[in-house]
């Protein structure tokens, strides 16, 4: 599978440490939401992802230290929100995003 037509959500998975297995996904038609996954340290399984059709949300993943798995994302259709990831110290990994539909926000 290289594209997902709808949403992809990982929420409240306390034991989730990796997104390995999503390596072939290049586009998500809906939202990509990663929230409250307490053991998730990186997003490396998303290296081939280039576009998100709607929103990209990364929130409250306390062990997350890097967004580098999103390095090939160039467009987000609506909102881009990064918030409440207490271990995240930089936005490196988002430097190739050239288009966000409506809103981009960041908060710790």
N, C-alpha and C. Protein backbone atom coordinates (compact mmCIF):
# COMPACT_ATOMS: atom_id res chain seq x y z
N UNK A 1 0.84 -1.17 0.00
CA UNK A 1 0.00 0.00 0.00
C UNK A 1 0.89 1.24 0.00
N UNK A 2 0.60 2.17 -0.90
CA UNK A 2 1.37 3.41 -0.91
C UNK A 2 0.54 4.63 -0.53
N UNK A 3 -0.78 4.51 -0.59
CA UNK A 3 -1.60 5.65 -0.18
C UNK A 3 -2.75 5.18 0.70
N UNK A 4 -3.15 6.06 1.58
CA UNK A 4 -4.29 5.82 2.46
C UNK A 4 -5.30 6.90 2.12
N UNK A 5 -6.50 6.49 1.73
CA UNK A 5 -7.51 7.46 1.29
C UNK A 5 -8.06 8.31 2.42
N UNK A 6 -8.26 7.74 3.59
CA UNK A 6 -8.87 8.45 4.71
C UNK A 6 -7.85 8.90 5.73
N UNK A 7 -8.26 8.81 6.99
CA UNK A 7 -7.41 9.24 8.11
C UNK A 7 -6.52 8.12 8.61
N UNK A 8 -5.40 8.50 9.20
CA UNK A 8 -4.52 7.57 9.91
C UNK A 8 -4.29 8.17 11.29
N UNK A 9 -4.74 7.43 12.31
CA UNK A 9 -4.65 7.95 13.67
C UNK A 9 -4.03 6.92 14.60
N UNK A 10 -3.08 7.41 15.38
CA UNK A 10 -2.50 6.63 16.47
C UNK A 10 -2.66 7.48 17.71
N UNK A 11 -3.55 7.06 18.60
CA UNK A 11 -3.86 7.88 19.77
C UNK A 11 -3.95 7.00 21.02
N UNK A 12 -3.24 7.41 22.05
CA UNK A 12 -3.32 6.74 23.34
C UNK A 12 -2.76 5.34 23.38
N UNK A 13 -1.75 5.08 22.56
CA UNK A 13 -1.10 3.78 22.53
C UNK A 13 0.17 3.85 23.37
N UNK A 14 0.06 3.56 24.66
CA UNK A 14 1.17 3.72 25.59
C UNK A 14 2.38 2.85 25.28
N UNK A 15 2.19 1.74 24.57
CA UNK A 15 3.30 0.83 24.28
C UNK A 15 3.87 1.02 22.87
N UNK A 16 3.28 1.91 22.08
CA UNK A 16 3.75 2.14 20.70
C UNK A 16 5.10 2.83 20.72
N UNK A 17 6.13 2.17 20.20
CA UNK A 17 7.47 2.74 20.19
C UNK A 17 7.94 3.10 18.78
N UNK A 18 7.26 2.59 17.76
CA UNK A 18 7.74 2.73 16.40
C UNK A 18 6.59 2.77 15.41
N UNK A 19 6.81 3.42 14.28
CA UNK A 19 5.85 3.42 13.19
C UNK A 19 6.35 2.56 12.03
N UNK A 20 7.31 1.71 12.33
CA UNK A 20 7.83 0.77 11.33
C UNK A 20 6.67 -0.05 10.79
N UNK A 21 6.65 -0.25 9.50
CA UNK A 21 5.56 -0.95 8.84
C UNK A 21 4.77 0.00 7.95
N UNK A 22 4.97 1.30 8.17
CA UNK A 22 4.32 2.30 7.33
C UNK A 22 5.30 2.84 6.28
N UNK A 23 6.42 2.17 6.13
CA UNK A 23 7.52 2.64 5.29
C UNK A 23 7.14 2.89 3.83
N UNK A 24 6.11 2.21 3.31
CA UNK A 24 5.74 2.37 1.91
C UNK A 24 4.67 3.42 1.68
N UNK A 25 4.12 3.99 2.73
CA UNK A 25 3.06 4.99 2.59
C UNK A 25 3.66 6.31 2.10
N UNK A 26 3.14 6.79 0.96
CA UNK A 26 3.63 8.05 0.38
C UNK A 26 2.62 9.18 0.53
N UNK A 27 1.32 8.84 0.70
CA UNK A 27 0.32 9.90 0.86
C UNK A 27 -0.83 9.43 1.74
N UNK A 28 -1.40 10.39 2.45
CA UNK A 28 -2.57 10.16 3.28
C UNK A 28 -3.60 11.18 2.84
N UNK A 29 -4.76 10.72 2.42
CA UNK A 29 -5.78 11.61 1.88
C UNK A 29 -6.48 12.45 2.93
N UNK A 30 -6.60 11.93 4.14
CA UNK A 30 -7.27 12.64 5.22
C UNK A 30 -6.29 13.22 6.20
N UNK A 31 -6.56 12.99 7.49
CA UNK A 31 -5.72 13.51 8.57
C UNK A 31 -4.70 12.47 9.01
N UNK A 32 -3.54 12.95 9.43
CA UNK A 32 -2.57 12.13 10.14
C UNK A 32 -2.50 12.69 11.55
N UNK A 33 -2.90 11.87 12.52
CA UNK A 33 -2.95 12.32 13.91
C UNK A 33 -2.17 11.35 14.79
N UNK A 34 -1.18 11.89 15.47
CA UNK A 34 -0.35 11.12 16.40
C UNK A 34 -0.43 11.82 17.74
N UNK A 35 -1.17 11.24 18.68
CA UNK A 35 -1.32 11.92 19.96
C UNK A 35 -1.36 10.95 21.13
N UNK A 36 -0.74 11.39 22.21
CA UNK A 36 -0.74 10.67 23.49
C UNK A 36 -0.20 9.25 23.37
N UNK A 37 0.87 9.11 22.61
CA UNK A 37 1.58 7.84 22.49
C UNK A 37 2.86 7.98 23.30
N UNK A 38 2.79 7.62 24.57
CA UNK A 38 3.83 7.96 25.54
C UNK A 38 5.21 7.36 25.28
N UNK A 39 5.31 6.27 24.52
CA UNK A 39 6.61 5.64 24.29
C UNK A 39 7.16 5.91 22.89
N UNK A 40 6.44 6.63 22.07
CA UNK A 40 6.87 6.92 20.70
C UNK A 40 7.99 7.95 20.72
N UNK A 41 9.18 7.56 20.25
CA UNK A 41 10.34 8.45 20.30
C UNK A 41 10.66 9.13 18.98
N UNK A 42 10.22 8.55 17.86
CA UNK A 42 10.50 9.14 16.56
C UNK A 42 9.44 8.73 15.55
N UNK A 43 9.49 9.32 14.38
CA UNK A 43 8.50 9.05 13.34
C UNK A 43 9.15 8.42 12.11
N UNK A 44 10.22 7.69 12.32
CA UNK A 44 11.03 7.18 11.21
C UNK A 44 10.28 6.28 10.24
N UNK A 45 9.20 5.65 10.62
CA UNK A 45 8.43 4.82 9.71
C UNK A 45 7.70 5.60 8.64
N UNK A 46 7.71 6.93 8.74
CA UNK A 46 7.00 7.78 7.78
C UNK A 46 7.93 8.46 6.77
N UNK A 47 9.15 7.98 6.63
CA UNK A 47 10.14 8.64 5.76
C UNK A 47 9.69 8.82 4.31
N UNK A 48 8.85 7.96 3.80
CA UNK A 48 8.43 8.07 2.40
C UNK A 48 7.16 8.90 2.22
N UNK A 49 6.58 9.37 3.30
CA UNK A 49 5.37 10.18 3.22
C UNK A 49 5.70 11.55 2.61
N UNK A 50 4.95 11.94 1.57
CA UNK A 50 5.20 13.23 0.92
C UNK A 50 4.03 14.20 1.07
N UNK A 51 2.80 13.69 1.29
CA UNK A 51 1.67 14.61 1.41
C UNK A 51 0.60 14.09 2.35
N UNK A 52 -0.04 15.04 3.01
CA UNK A 52 -1.19 14.77 3.88
C UNK A 52 -2.31 15.65 3.35
N UNK A 53 -3.41 15.03 2.95
CA UNK A 53 -4.50 15.76 2.29
C UNK A 53 -5.23 16.74 3.18
N UNK A 54 -5.34 16.44 4.47
CA UNK A 54 -6.03 17.34 5.39
C UNK A 54 -5.06 17.80 6.46
N UNK A 55 -5.29 17.44 7.73
CA UNK A 55 -4.45 17.95 8.81
C UNK A 55 -3.35 17.00 9.25
N UNK A 56 -2.27 17.57 9.73
CA UNK A 56 -1.16 16.83 10.34
C UNK A 56 -1.06 17.30 11.77
N UNK A 57 -1.33 16.40 12.71
CA UNK A 57 -1.38 16.73 14.13
C UNK A 57 -0.44 15.82 14.91
N UNK A 58 0.48 16.40 15.65
CA UNK A 58 1.40 15.65 16.50
C UNK A 58 1.31 16.30 17.88
N UNK A 59 0.71 15.60 18.84
CA UNK A 59 0.50 16.22 20.14
C UNK A 59 0.63 15.24 21.30
N UNK A 60 1.19 15.75 22.38
CA UNK A 60 1.24 15.05 23.66
C UNK A 60 1.92 13.68 23.60
N UNK A 61 2.97 13.59 22.81
CA UNK A 61 3.81 12.40 22.73
C UNK A 61 5.08 12.72 23.52
N UNK A 62 5.06 12.44 24.81
CA UNK A 62 6.10 12.91 25.72
C UNK A 62 7.51 12.42 25.41
N UNK A 63 7.65 11.23 24.82
CA UNK A 63 8.98 10.69 24.54
C UNK A 63 9.48 11.08 23.15
N UNK A 64 8.65 11.72 22.35
CA UNK A 64 9.03 12.09 20.99
C UNK A 64 10.14 13.13 21.01
N UNK A 65 11.27 12.80 20.38
CA UNK A 65 12.42 13.70 20.37
C UNK A 65 12.77 14.21 18.97
N UNK A 66 12.11 13.67 17.94
CA UNK A 66 12.47 14.04 16.58
C UNK A 66 11.29 13.96 15.63
N UNK A 67 11.23 14.92 14.71
CA UNK A 67 10.25 14.90 13.63
C UNK A 67 10.90 14.51 12.30
N UNK A 68 12.12 14.03 12.34
CA UNK A 68 12.88 13.76 11.11
C UNK A 68 12.19 12.75 10.20
N UNK A 69 11.31 11.92 10.72
CA UNK A 69 10.56 10.98 9.88
C UNK A 69 9.62 11.67 8.91
N UNK A 70 9.37 12.95 9.11
CA UNK A 70 8.49 13.72 8.23
C UNK A 70 9.29 14.53 7.19
N UNK A 71 10.56 14.24 7.04
CA UNK A 71 11.46 15.04 6.21
C UNK A 71 11.06 15.12 4.74
N UNK A 72 10.28 14.18 4.23
CA UNK A 72 9.89 14.22 2.82
C UNK A 72 8.50 14.80 2.59
N UNK A 73 7.82 15.19 3.66
CA UNK A 73 6.51 15.82 3.51
C UNK A 73 6.69 17.21 2.92
N UNK A 74 5.97 17.46 1.82
CA UNK A 74 6.05 18.77 1.18
C UNK A 74 4.75 19.54 1.28
N UNK A 75 3.61 18.85 1.47
CA UNK A 75 2.35 19.57 1.54
C UNK A 75 1.40 18.97 2.57
N UNK A 76 0.67 19.88 3.22
CA UNK A 76 -0.38 19.54 4.18
C UNK A 76 -1.59 20.33 3.75
N UNK A 77 -2.70 19.64 3.51
CA UNK A 77 -3.88 20.28 2.92
C UNK A 77 -4.56 21.33 3.77
N UNK A 78 -4.62 21.14 5.09
CA UNK A 78 -5.31 22.15 5.90
C UNK A 78 -4.44 22.60 7.06
N UNK A 79 -4.48 21.91 8.20
CA UNK A 79 -3.79 22.37 9.40
C UNK A 79 -2.54 21.55 9.72
N UNK A 80 -1.55 22.22 10.25
CA UNK A 80 -0.35 21.59 10.77
C UNK A 80 -0.19 22.06 12.21
N UNK A 81 -0.34 21.13 13.16
CA UNK A 81 -0.24 21.50 14.57
C UNK A 81 0.71 20.55 15.28
N UNK A 82 1.69 21.13 15.95
CA UNK A 82 2.65 20.39 16.76
C UNK A 82 2.56 20.99 18.15
N UNK A 83 2.10 20.21 19.14
CA UNK A 83 1.93 20.79 20.47
C UNK A 83 2.05 19.74 21.57
N UNK A 84 2.54 20.18 22.73
CA UNK A 84 2.56 19.36 23.93
C UNK A 84 3.49 18.15 23.89
N UNK A 85 4.50 18.18 23.03
CA UNK A 85 5.48 17.09 22.95
C UNK A 85 6.70 17.54 23.76
N UNK A 86 6.70 17.23 25.04
CA UNK A 86 7.68 17.81 25.96
C UNK A 86 9.13 17.43 25.65
N UNK A 87 9.39 16.33 24.96
CA UNK A 87 10.75 15.94 24.63
C UNK A 87 11.25 16.50 23.31
N UNK A 88 10.39 17.17 22.58
CA UNK A 88 10.73 17.71 21.27
C UNK A 88 11.38 19.09 21.43
N UNK A 89 12.59 19.23 20.91
CA UNK A 89 13.32 20.49 21.07
C UNK A 89 13.53 21.25 19.77
N UNK A 90 13.15 20.66 18.64
CA UNK A 90 13.30 21.38 17.37
C UNK A 90 12.24 20.89 16.38
N UNK A 91 12.10 21.65 15.32
CA UNK A 91 11.17 21.29 14.25
C UNK A 91 11.90 20.74 13.03
N UNK A 92 13.14 20.34 13.23
CA UNK A 92 13.89 19.72 12.13
C UNK A 92 13.12 18.50 11.67
N UNK A 93 12.91 18.41 10.40
CA UNK A 93 12.11 17.35 9.81
C UNK A 93 10.93 17.95 9.05
N UNK A 94 10.64 19.20 9.30
CA UNK A 94 9.54 19.88 8.60
C UNK A 94 10.05 20.88 7.57
N UNK A 95 11.35 20.92 7.33
CA UNK A 95 11.93 21.94 6.46
C UNK A 95 11.52 21.82 4.99
N UNK A 96 10.99 20.67 4.55
CA UNK A 96 10.57 20.53 3.16
C UNK A 96 9.09 20.85 2.95
N UNK A 97 8.37 21.17 4.01
CA UNK A 97 6.97 21.54 3.88
C UNK A 97 6.91 22.91 3.21
N UNK A 98 6.33 22.94 2.02
CA UNK A 98 6.24 24.20 1.26
C UNK A 98 4.81 24.71 1.18
N UNK A 99 3.84 23.88 1.59
CA UNK A 99 2.45 24.29 1.48
C UNK A 99 1.63 23.74 2.65
N UNK A 100 0.96 24.66 3.36
CA UNK A 100 0.01 24.30 4.40
C UNK A 100 -1.26 25.09 4.09
N UNK A 101 -2.38 24.39 3.95
CA UNK A 101 -3.62 25.01 3.53
C UNK A 101 -4.09 26.20 4.35
N UNK A 102 -4.24 26.04 5.66
CA UNK A 102 -4.86 27.09 6.45
C UNK A 102 -4.04 27.59 7.62
N UNK A 103 -3.56 26.68 8.46
CA UNK A 103 -2.99 27.09 9.74
C UNK A 103 -1.79 26.22 10.07
N UNK A 104 -0.76 26.85 10.55
CA UNK A 104 0.39 26.12 11.09
C UNK A 104 0.63 26.65 12.50
N UNK A 105 0.78 25.75 13.47
CA UNK A 105 1.01 26.18 14.83
C UNK A 105 1.95 25.26 15.56
N UNK A 106 2.65 25.83 16.53
CA UNK A 106 3.58 25.07 17.36
C UNK A 106 3.49 25.60 18.79
N UNK A 107 3.42 24.69 19.73
CA UNK A 107 3.51 25.09 21.13
C UNK A 107 4.07 23.93 21.92
N UNK A 108 4.72 24.24 23.02
CA UNK A 108 5.27 23.20 23.88
C UNK A 108 4.30 22.98 24.96
